[in-house]
């Protein structure tokens, strides 16, 4: 019985040592501030923007509307994605205009990092 318990403790210790870098990376990502676009999220997670786009569409956090990507109900409900107003200057008229930008929240970035690192993929 003691030998079995010792083996179990050693397996758990090995698992903790194996997961330590993932935990450290996840803590670093979740401690940062601000929402990011798809491109910057891909850079931060080191998986590329195409992979991020594919992941959020497959998990129904977002949907495609024309040429634009928009938050879907699931992504909004859990706070993974949102739209942010952005003011820009029109090149032709010089007027200030407002548009919406798709952003992935810190909660969404953290969840994607968990998925990429091998966490649960039930979403």
Foldseek 3Di string as FASTA:
>chain_A
DVVVVVVVVVVVVVVCVVCVVLVVLLVVLLVDDDWAALQVLCVSLVNGSVVSVVLCVVVQQWDDDPNDIGGGPVVVVVVQKDWDKDWDADPPPRDIDIDIGITGHSVNSSVVSCVVVPHDDPD
